[in-house]
Amino acid sequence: MAEPARAPSPRESELLEAAYDYALAHGLADLSLRPLAAAIGSSPRVLLFLFGSKEGLVRALLARARADELAMLDALRREEPGTDLAGSAGRVWEWLAAPAHRGLLNLWIEGYARSLVAPTGAWAGFGQQTVKDWLALLAEFQPPAIRRSAGGATQRTRVLAVLRGALLDLLATGDIKRTTAAVHEQLAAL
């Protein structure tokens, strides 16, 4: 029988939040423990002790990013009961396009891409799980009969592809006006 997960110590939680803020600003691709530790008031040795390895720390940071993503999805569920798929996807786009979320979205894209090219280790399953998270949310905004159909799954996948593609373009160019117009045009076609 597997041991239950231990609760993090207050110091571990504090360092994870500080490391998460650092990752939001600097990304994870070239993460080095020495600069990270210096920036957050710790040492590489303490980080390795608390997180087991650099991979363990990256895994914890990805889990922390996913927690922010899930919190946003849960807020949308609560705020938009009865909204249709196009309306809910429009609200998701508003959140994605907000400049305040750039750090998180850059980190999310980095984790997503790394899970594709490095499917084992800290990145394992990150992309696949986020697709499942988003498709599950979008399903909640479809009528039950459509939600359970193959056509409903295709519709959700199309919406997710539009949001993800526009997000990549927005992050690369910063062009909110053009990407927002494209998203609204596609959502109107639903």
Protein backbone atom coordinates (compact mmCIF):
# COMPACT_ATOMS: atom_id res chain seq x y z
CA MET A 1 0.00 0.00 0.00
CA ALA A 2 1.35 3.43 -0.96
CA GLU A 3 2.17 5.87 1.79
CA PRO A 4 -0.08 8.95 1.94
CA ALA A 5 1.52 12.13 0.66
CA ARG A 6 3.09 14.14 3.46
CA ALA A 7 2.02 17.69 4.06
CA PRO A 8 4.70 20.20 3.09
CA SER A 9 6.46 22.05 5.87
CA PRO A 10 5.86 25.79 6.15
CA ARG A 11 9.41 26.41 4.85
CA GLU A 12 8.84 24.08 1.89
CA SER A 13 5.60 25.91 1.06
CA GLU A 14 7.32 29.28 1.41
CA LEU A 15 10.20 28.25 -0.87
CA LEU A 16 7.84 26.69 -3.40
CA GLU A 17 5.90 29.95 -3.66
CA ALA A 18 9.11 31.94 -4.02
CA ALA A 19 10.45 29.49 -6.62
CA TYR A 20 7.11 29.67 -8.44
CA ASP A 21 7.34 33.47 -8.62
CA TYR A 22 10.89 33.06 -9.95
CA ALA A 23 9.73 30.50 -12.55
CA LEU A 24 6.91 32.81 -13.66
CA ALA A 25 9.50 35.49 -14.36
CA HIS A 26 12.32 33.32 -15.72
CA GLY A 27 10.79 30.07 -16.97
CA LEU A 28 11.97 26.54 -16.30
CA ALA A 29 13.96 25.59 -19.40
CA ASP A 30 17.33 26.79 -18.12
CA LEU A 31 16.53 26.53 -14.43
CA SER A 32 19.71 26.35 -12.38
CA LEU A 33 19.52 25.73 -8.66
CA ARG A 34 22.24 28.20 -7.64
CA PRO A 35 20.67 31.33 -9.16
CA LEU A 36 17.22 30.20 -8.09
CA ALA A 37 18.33 29.56 -4.51
CA ALA A 38 20.13 32.91 -4.32
CA ALA A 39 17.07 34.73 -5.67
CA ILE A 40 14.69 33.16 -3.15
CA GLY A 41 16.92 33.28 -0.06
CA SER A 42 17.82 29.63 0.16
CA SER A 43 20.59 27.29 -0.92
CA PRO A 44 20.75 24.53 -3.53
CA ARG A 45 21.29 22.02 -0.71
CA VAL A 46 18.05 23.06 1.05
CA LEU A 47 16.09 22.88 -2.23
CA LEU A 48 17.45 19.40 -2.92
CA PHE A 49 16.61 18.31 0.62
CA LEU A 50 13.05 19.62 0.43
CA PHE A 51 12.22 18.55 -3.14
CA GLY A 52 14.47 15.49 -3.50
CA SER A 53 16.06 16.61 -6.77
CA LYS A 54 15.93 19.32 -9.38
CA GLU A 55 13.37 17.16 -11.20
CA GLY A 56 11.30 17.00 -8.03
CA LEU A 57 11.37 20.79 -7.77
CA VAL A 58 10.34 21.18 -11.42
CA ARG A 59 7.53 18.70 -10.87
CA ALA A 60 6.38 20.70 -7.81
CA LEU A 61 6.51 23.94 -9.84
CA LEU A 62 4.45 22.39 -12.65
CA ALA A 63 1.93 21.14 -10.09
CA ARG A 64 1.77 24.66 -8.66
CA ALA A 65 1.16 26.13 -12.13
CA ARG A 66 -1.55 23.53 -12.74
CA ALA A 67 -3.17 24.53 -9.43
CA ASP A 68 -3.45 28.11 -10.71
CA GLU A 69 -4.91 26.84 -13.98
CA LEU A 70 -7.46 24.67 -12.15
CA ALA A 71 -8.41 27.56 -9.87
CA MET A 72 -9.18 29.67 -12.94
CA LEU A 73 -11.24 26.86 -14.44
CA ASP A 74 -13.16 26.40 -11.19
CA ALA A 75 -13.86 30.14 -11.00
CA LEU A 76 -15.24 30.06 -14.53
CA ARG A 77 -17.52 27.15 -13.60
CA ARG A 78 -18.91 29.10 -10.65
CA GLU A 79 -19.23 32.44 -12.47
CA GLU A 80 -20.80 31.21 -15.68
CA PRO A 81 -23.51 28.65 -14.90
CA GLY A 82 -25.84 28.26 -17.84
CA THR A 83 -23.43 29.85 -20.33
CA ASP A 84 -23.07 28.08 -23.65
CA LEU A 85 -19.81 26.79 -25.09
CA ALA A 86 -19.08 29.87 -27.19
CA GLY A 87 -19.79 32.23 -24.28
CA SER A 88 -17.64 30.28 -21.85
CA ALA A 89 -14.80 30.03 -24.39
CA GLY A 90 -15.02 33.80 -24.84
CA ARG A 91 -14.61 34.26 -21.09
CA VAL A 92 -11.65 31.86 -21.12
CA TRP A 93 -10.09 33.92 -23.90
CA GLU A 94 -10.53 37.14 -21.89
CA TRP A 95 -8.60 35.51 -19.06
CA LEU A 96 -5.91 34.13 -21.37
CA ALA A 97 -5.45 37.48 -23.15
CA ALA A 98 -5.09 39.49 -19.93
CA PRO A 99 -1.51 40.77 -19.64
CA ALA A 100 -1.44 39.91 -15.93
CA HIS A 101 -1.37 36.20 -16.81
CA ARG A 102 1.64 36.23 -19.18
CA GLY A 103 4.06 34.63 -16.71
CA LEU A 104 1.73 31.75 -15.92
CA LEU A 105 0.85 31.21 -19.57
CA ASN A 106 4.48 31.26 -20.67
CA LEU A 107 5.21 28.69 -17.97
CA TRP A 108 2.21 26.61 -19.05
CA ILE A 109 3.31 26.67 -22.71
CA GLU A 110 6.84 25.74 -21.69
CA GLY A 111 5.57 22.80 -19.62
CA TYR A 112 3.23 21.73 -22.40
CA ALA A 113 5.97 21.82 -25.05
CA ARG A 114 8.55 20.11 -22.84
CA SER A 115 6.09 17.30 -22.09
CA LEU A 116 5.97 16.64 -25.83
CA VAL A 117 9.73 16.51 -26.39
CA ALA A 118 10.71 15.08 -22.99
CA PRO A 119 7.78 12.79 -22.18
CA THR A 120 9.44 11.29 -19.11
CA GLY A 121 10.67 12.86 -15.92
CA ALA A 122 9.32 16.06 -14.45
CA TRP A 123 7.36 16.99 -17.58
CA ALA A 124 5.67 13.60 -17.99
CA GLY A 125 1.97 13.89 -18.75
CA PHE A 126 1.75 17.67 -18.24
CA GLY A 127 0.45 18.43 -21.73
CA GLN A 128 -1.94 15.50 -21.79
CA GLN A 129 -3.38 16.38 -18.39
CA THR A 130 -3.95 20.01 -19.31
CA VAL A 131 -5.81 18.96 -22.47
CA LYS A 132 -8.05 16.76 -20.31
CA ASP A 133 -8.60 19.61 -17.83
CA TRP A 134 -9.63 22.06 -20.55
CA LEU A 135 -11.83 19.59 -22.45
CA ALA A 136 -13.61 18.68 -19.21
CA LEU A 137 -14.33 22.34 -18.52
CA LEU A 138 -15.60 22.98 -22.04
CA ALA A 139 -17.85 19.91 -21.82
CA GLU A 140 -19.64 21.43 -18.85
CA PHE A 141 -20.90 24.24 -21.08
CA GLN A 142 -22.51 21.91 -23.61
CA PRO A 143 -26.02 20.47 -23.31
CA PRO A 144 -25.84 16.88 -21.97
CA ALA A 145 -26.93 15.27 -25.25
CA ILE A 146 -24.23 17.12 -27.21
CA ARG A 147 -21.62 16.64 -24.48
CA ARG A 148 -21.93 12.85 -24.76
CA SER A 149 -21.77 12.76 -28.57
CA ALA A 150 -18.80 12.41 -30.89
CA GLY A 151 -19.81 15.74 -32.43
CA GLY A 152 -19.67 17.37 -29.01
CA ALA A 153 -16.14 16.05 -28.45
CA THR A 154 -15.13 17.40 -31.86
CA GLN A 155 -16.66 20.79 -31.07
CA ARG A 156 -14.78 21.01 -27.74
CA THR A 157 -11.55 20.00 -29.44
CA ARG A 158 -12.03 22.69 -32.09
CA VAL A 159 -12.64 25.35 -29.45
CA LEU A 160 -9.58 24.24 -27.49
CA ALA A 161 -7.46 24.27 -30.65
CA VAL A 162 -8.60 27.82 -31.46
CA LEU A 163 -7.86 29.03 -27.92
CA ARG A 164 -4.47 27.31 -27.78
CA GLY A 165 -3.43 28.47 -31.24
CA ALA A 166 -4.47 32.05 -30.58
CA LEU A 167 -2.69 31.93 -27.22
CA LEU A 168 0.56 30.80 -28.83
CA ASP A 169 0.26 33.59 -31.37
CA LEU A 170 -0.58 36.17 -28.70
CA LEU A 171 2.38 35.15 -26.55
CA ALA A 172 4.71 35.31 -29.56
CA THR A 173 3.49 38.64 -30.93
CA GLY A 174 1.62 40.46 -28.16
CA ASP A 175 -1.09 41.31 -30.70
CA ILE A 176 -4.23 41.16 -28.55
CA LYS A 177 -6.48 42.91 -31.06
CA ARG A 178 -5.79 40.54 -33.97
CA THR A 179 -5.85 37.32 -31.93
CA THR A 180 -9.01 38.37 -30.08
CA ALA A 181 -10.75 39.14 -33.38
CA ALA A 182 -9.78 35.69 -34.69
CA VAL A 183 -11.04 33.95 -31.54
CA HIS A 184 -14.37 35.83 -31.63
CA GLU A 185 -14.83 35.00 -35.30
CA GLN A 186 -14.28 31.31 -34.67
CA LEU A 187 -16.54 31.27 -31.61
CA ALA A 188 -19.30 33.02 -33.58
CA ALA A 189 -19.14 30.12 -36.08
CA LEU A 190 -20.21 27.70 -33.35
